[in-house]
Amino acid sequence: MLQVLELLTPGVNELMCHPGDADATAPARSASEYHRDEEAAALTAPSVRAVLATRGARLAHFGTAWETGGKAAR
């Protein structure tokens, strides 16, 4: 994750992930391919949060990535 963050450029960057808790009821494909619990841990790791803060970046849902100050950026 830290290596990926070093590649960010100014503007909106997309990092597709599906963070969440490992769920025994989730389809096997989802649990084995997406590693939701590992992605959640990586996205919330103090080292990752520190790099994001240093670079002035923020995590956002894709649908809200362009919003700034409550309004969509143009």
Protein backbone atom coordinates (compact mmCIF):
# COMPACT_ATOMS: atom_id res chain seq x y z
CA MET A 1 0.00 0.00 0.00
CA LEU A 2 2.80 2.42 0.87
CA GLN A 3 4.48 1.80 -2.49
CA VAL A 4 1.22 2.50 -4.30
CA LEU A 5 0.72 5.75 -2.40
CA GLU A 6 4.13 6.96 -3.55
CA LEU A 7 2.81 6.82 -7.14
CA LEU A 8 -0.12 9.19 -6.54
CA THR A 9 -0.27 12.25 -8.75
CA PRO A 10 -2.14 15.52 -8.03
CA GLY A 11 -5.88 15.24 -8.59
CA VAL A 12 -8.15 12.24 -8.24
CA ASN A 13 -6.45 8.84 -8.16
CA GLU A 14 -8.42 5.62 -8.05
CA LEU A 15 -7.35 2.66 -5.96
CA MET A 16 -10.01 0.00 -6.24
CA CYS A 17 -10.53 -2.03 -3.12
CA HIS A 18 -13.30 -3.64 -1.14
CA PRO A 19 -12.42 -3.22 2.55
CA GLY A 20 -14.48 -4.90 5.20
CA ASP A 21 -14.62 -7.71 7.69
CA ALA A 22 -13.95 -11.26 6.58
CA ASP A 23 -17.38 -12.83 6.50
CA ALA A 24 -17.91 -16.57 6.50
CA THR A 25 -21.28 -16.04 4.79
CA ALA A 26 -19.77 -14.12 1.87
CA PRO A 27 -19.39 -16.01 -1.41
CA ALA A 28 -16.11 -17.95 -1.53
CA ARG A 29 -14.97 -15.95 -4.56
CA SER A 30 -15.42 -12.67 -2.72
CA ALA A 31 -13.63 -13.85 0.41
CA SER A 32 -10.68 -15.39 -1.43
CA GLU A 33 -10.14 -12.80 -4.16
CA TYR A 34 -10.75 -9.52 -2.39
CA HIS A 35 -9.21 -10.11 1.07
CA ARG A 36 -11.55 -7.52 2.53
CA ASP A 37 -10.11 -7.74 6.04
CA GLU A 38 -6.54 -7.25 4.80
CA GLU A 39 -7.59 -4.27 2.68
CA ALA A 40 -9.39 -2.70 5.64
CA ALA A 41 -6.29 -3.16 7.79
CA ALA A 42 -4.04 -1.65 5.13
CA LEU A 43 -6.28 1.38 4.57
CA THR A 44 -6.51 2.11 8.29
CA ALA A 45 -2.87 1.40 9.18
CA PRO A 46 -1.21 4.33 10.98
CA SER A 47 1.65 4.35 8.44
CA VAL A 48 -0.80 4.64 5.55
CA ARG A 49 -2.80 7.36 7.28
CA ALA A 50 0.45 9.27 7.93
CA VAL A 51 1.48 9.13 4.26
CA LEU A 52 -1.98 10.27 3.17
CA ALA A 53 -1.85 13.20 5.58
CA THR A 54 1.67 14.16 4.48
CA ARG A 55 0.63 14.14 0.83
CA GLY A 56 -2.62 16.00 1.49
CA ALA A 57 -4.64 13.04 0.19
CA ARG A 58 -7.90 11.64 1.48
CA LEU A 59 -9.75 8.37 1.09
CA ALA A 60 -13.20 8.64 -0.42
CA HIS A 61 -15.93 6.53 -1.93
CA PHE A 62 -15.74 6.75 -5.74
CA GLY A 63 -19.10 8.53 -5.85
CA THR A 64 -17.83 11.32 -3.60
CA ALA A 65 -14.22 11.59 -4.81
CA TRP A 66 -14.80 14.89 -6.58
CA GLU A 67 -16.70 16.56 -3.75
CA THR A 68 -14.98 19.42 -1.96
CA GLY A 69 -16.50 21.37 0.89
CA GLY A 70 -19.83 19.64 0.42
CA LYS A 71 -20.08 20.50 -3.28
CA ALA A 72 -18.95 18.55 -6.29
CA ALA A 73 -15.77 19.85 -7.90
CA ARG A 74 -16.01 20.86 -11.54
